[in-house]
Amino acid sequence: MGNKIREYRKKKKMTQAELAQKSGVSRVTISQLEAGIERNTSSKTLLSIAKALNSTIDEIFFTTSV
C-alpha cells in the first residue's frame, strides 16, 4: 500500500508535507503508510489521500501501473 501512495505522490511531484497539507492527513501518518509501519488505516484516510492526489482509491490501490 505504501509503495503505491509514494508512487502517486512522486508522480504528482509532491512532498509528504504537501500531501499532508492538501489531504488533511498528518505527514507522520503519510510517512508511516509509505514505510509500511501504519497498518490500520481508515477508508476515510485513504480517500482523503486519493482525493489530494486527484485520483481514486481504486486507481491507486487496484491498478498495476502508474
N, C-alpha and C. Protein backbone atom coordinates (compact mmCIF):
# COMPACT_ATOMS: atom_id res chain seq x y z
N MET A 1 0.82 -1.20 0.00
CA MET A 1 0.00 0.00 0.00
C MET A 1 0.86 1.25 0.00
N GLY A 2 1.86 1.27 0.87
CA GLY A 2 2.71 2.45 0.98
C GLY A 2 3.45 2.79 -0.29
N ASN A 3 3.90 1.75 -0.99
CA ASN A 3 4.61 1.99 -2.24
C ASN A 3 3.72 2.68 -3.26
N LYS A 4 2.47 2.31 -3.29
CA LYS A 4 1.54 2.92 -4.23
C LYS A 4 1.32 4.39 -3.90
N ILE A 5 1.17 4.71 -2.62
CA ILE A 5 0.99 6.10 -2.23
C ILE A 5 2.22 6.90 -2.63
N ARG A 6 3.40 6.38 -2.33
CA ARG A 6 4.65 7.06 -2.69
C ARG A 6 4.75 7.27 -4.20
N GLU A 7 4.43 6.24 -4.99
CA GLU A 7 4.48 6.35 -6.45
C GLU A 7 3.59 7.49 -6.95
N TYR A 8 2.36 7.51 -6.48
CA TYR A 8 1.43 8.55 -6.94
C TYR A 8 1.85 9.93 -6.45
N ARG A 9 2.34 10.01 -5.22
CA ARG A 9 2.80 11.30 -4.68
C ARG A 9 3.95 11.83 -5.52
N LYS A 10 4.92 10.98 -5.81
CA LYS A 10 6.08 11.41 -6.60
C LYS A 10 5.68 11.74 -8.03
N LYS A 11 4.73 10.99 -8.57
CA LYS A 11 4.23 11.28 -9.92
C LYS A 11 3.64 12.69 -9.97
N LYS A 12 3.01 13.10 -8.89
CA LYS A 12 2.41 14.44 -8.81
C LYS A 12 3.43 15.48 -8.35
N LYS A 13 4.69 15.04 -8.14
CA LYS A 13 5.77 15.93 -7.71
C LYS A 13 5.43 16.65 -6.41
N MET A 14 4.91 15.87 -5.46
CA MET A 14 4.52 16.41 -4.16
C MET A 14 5.43 15.84 -3.08
N THR A 15 5.72 16.66 -2.08
CA THR A 15 6.41 16.16 -0.90
C THR A 15 5.38 15.56 0.04
N GLN A 16 5.86 14.84 1.05
CA GLN A 16 4.94 14.32 2.06
C GLN A 16 4.23 15.48 2.75
N ALA A 17 4.94 16.56 3.01
CA ALA A 17 4.34 17.71 3.68
C ALA A 17 3.24 18.34 2.82
N GLU A 18 3.47 18.42 1.52
CA GLU A 18 2.45 18.98 0.62
C GLU A 18 1.22 18.07 0.58
N LEU A 19 1.44 16.77 0.51
CA LEU A 19 0.33 15.83 0.51
C LEU A 19 -0.44 15.92 1.82
N ALA A 20 0.28 16.04 2.91
CA ALA A 20 -0.36 16.15 4.22
C ALA A 20 -1.24 17.39 4.28
N GLN A 21 -0.72 18.50 3.84
CA GLN A 21 -1.49 19.75 3.87
C GLN A 21 -2.73 19.65 2.99
N LYS A 22 -2.57 19.11 1.80
CA LYS A 22 -3.69 19.02 0.86
C LYS A 22 -4.74 18.00 1.29
N SER A 23 -4.30 16.92 1.94
CA SER A 23 -5.23 15.84 2.30
C SER A 23 -5.82 15.98 3.70
N GLY A 24 -5.14 16.75 4.57
CA GLY A 24 -5.59 16.84 5.95
C GLY A 24 -5.15 15.65 6.79
N VAL A 25 -4.27 14.82 6.24
CA VAL A 25 -3.70 13.67 6.94
C VAL A 25 -2.30 14.08 7.38
N SER A 26 -1.93 13.76 8.60
CA SER A 26 -0.63 14.22 9.09
C SER A 26 0.52 13.65 8.27
N ARG A 27 1.61 14.43 8.20
CA ARG A 27 2.79 13.98 7.48
C ARG A 27 3.36 12.72 8.10
N VAL A 28 3.27 12.61 9.42
CA VAL A 28 3.75 11.42 10.12
C VAL A 28 2.97 10.19 9.65
N THR A 29 1.66 10.30 9.55
CA THR A 29 0.84 9.18 9.09
C THR A 29 1.20 8.81 7.66
N ILE A 30 1.37 9.80 6.79
CA ILE A 30 1.74 9.53 5.41
C ILE A 30 3.10 8.83 5.36
N SER A 31 4.04 9.32 6.15
CA SER A 31 5.36 8.71 6.22
C SER A 31 5.28 7.26 6.68
N GLN A 32 4.47 7.03 7.70
CA GLN A 32 4.31 5.67 8.23
C GLN A 32 3.63 4.75 7.21
N LEU A 33 2.64 5.26 6.51
CA LEU A 33 1.98 4.47 5.48
C LEU A 33 2.98 4.09 4.38
N GLU A 34 3.75 5.07 3.93
CA GLU A 34 4.71 4.81 2.87
C GLU A 34 5.80 3.83 3.30
N ALA A 35 6.15 3.87 4.58
CA ALA A 35 7.19 2.97 5.11
C ALA A 35 6.63 1.61 5.49
N GLY A 36 5.32 1.46 5.43
CA GLY A 36 4.70 0.19 5.79
C GLY A 36 4.56 0.00 7.29
N ILE A 37 4.71 1.06 8.05
CA ILE A 37 4.61 0.99 9.51
C ILE A 37 3.15 1.04 9.96
N GLU A 38 2.39 1.94 9.37
CA GLU A 38 0.98 2.13 9.72
C GLU A 38 0.16 1.08 9.00
N ARG A 39 -0.50 0.22 9.73
CA ARG A 39 -1.25 -0.87 9.11
C ARG A 39 -2.77 -0.72 9.27
N ASN A 40 -3.21 -0.04 10.27
CA ASN A 40 -4.64 0.15 10.50
C ASN A 40 -5.04 1.54 10.03
N THR A 41 -5.47 1.62 8.80
CA THR A 41 -5.80 2.90 8.20
C THR A 41 -7.27 2.90 7.80
N SER A 42 -7.94 3.97 8.13
CA SER A 42 -9.37 4.05 7.81
C SER A 42 -9.57 4.34 6.33
N SER A 43 -10.73 3.96 5.85
CA SER A 43 -11.06 4.26 4.46
C SER A 43 -11.15 5.77 4.26
N LYS A 44 -11.52 6.49 5.28
CA LYS A 44 -11.60 7.96 5.20
C LYS A 44 -10.21 8.55 4.94
N THR A 45 -9.20 8.02 5.63
CA THR A 45 -7.83 8.50 5.42
C THR A 45 -7.38 8.20 4.00
N LEU A 46 -7.62 6.98 3.53
CA LEU A 46 -7.22 6.62 2.17
C LEU A 46 -7.96 7.47 1.14
N LEU A 47 -9.22 7.74 1.37
CA LEU A 47 -9.99 8.57 0.46
C LEU A 47 -9.44 10.00 0.43
N SER A 48 -9.08 10.53 1.59
CA SER A 48 -8.50 11.88 1.65
C SER A 48 -7.20 11.96 0.88
N ILE A 49 -6.36 10.94 1.03
CA ILE A 49 -5.09 10.91 0.30
C ILE A 49 -5.35 10.80 -1.20
N ALA A 50 -6.25 9.92 -1.59
CA ALA A 50 -6.56 9.75 -3.02
C ALA A 50 -7.08 11.05 -3.62
N LYS A 51 -7.98 11.73 -2.93
CA LYS A 51 -8.53 12.99 -3.44
C LYS A 51 -7.43 14.04 -3.57
N ALA A 52 -6.53 14.10 -2.60
CA ALA A 52 -5.43 15.06 -2.64
C ALA A 52 -4.49 14.78 -3.82
N LEU A 53 -4.44 13.53 -4.25
CA LEU A 53 -3.62 13.15 -5.40
C LEU A 53 -4.42 13.19 -6.71
N ASN A 54 -5.63 13.76 -6.65
CA ASN A 54 -6.52 13.83 -7.82
C ASN A 54 -6.73 12.46 -8.44
N SER A 55 -7.02 11.50 -7.58
CA SER A 55 -7.18 10.13 -8.02
C SER A 55 -8.31 9.49 -7.22
N THR A 56 -8.42 8.18 -7.37
CA THR A 56 -9.40 7.42 -6.60
C THR A 56 -8.69 6.29 -5.86
N ILE A 57 -9.32 5.76 -4.86
CA ILE A 57 -8.75 4.62 -4.14
C ILE A 57 -8.53 3.46 -5.11
N ASP A 58 -9.50 3.20 -5.96
CA ASP A 58 -9.37 2.10 -6.93
C ASP A 58 -8.16 2.29 -7.84
N GLU A 59 -8.01 3.50 -8.35
CA GLU A 59 -6.91 3.76 -9.27
C GLU A 59 -5.55 3.57 -8.59
N ILE A 60 -5.42 4.06 -7.37
CA ILE A 60 -4.15 3.97 -6.67
C ILE A 60 -3.84 2.55 -6.24
N PHE A 61 -4.80 1.89 -5.63
CA PHE A 61 -4.52 0.63 -4.97
C PHE A 61 -4.86 -0.61 -5.78
N PHE A 62 -5.66 -0.48 -6.84
CA PHE A 62 -6.09 -1.66 -7.56
C PHE A 62 -5.72 -1.67 -9.04
N THR A 63 -4.80 -0.79 -9.43
CA THR A 63 -4.26 -0.85 -10.79
C THR A 63 -2.79 -1.22 -10.69
N THR A 64 -2.25 -1.76 -11.76
CA THR A 64 -0.89 -2.27 -11.70
C THR A 64 0.17 -1.25 -12.09
N SER A 65 -0.18 -0.21 -12.81
CA SER A 65 0.85 0.76 -13.22
C SER A 65 0.40 2.17 -12.91
N VAL A 66 1.39 3.04 -12.81
CA VAL A 66 1.14 4.46 -12.53
C VAL A 66 1.11 5.22 -13.82
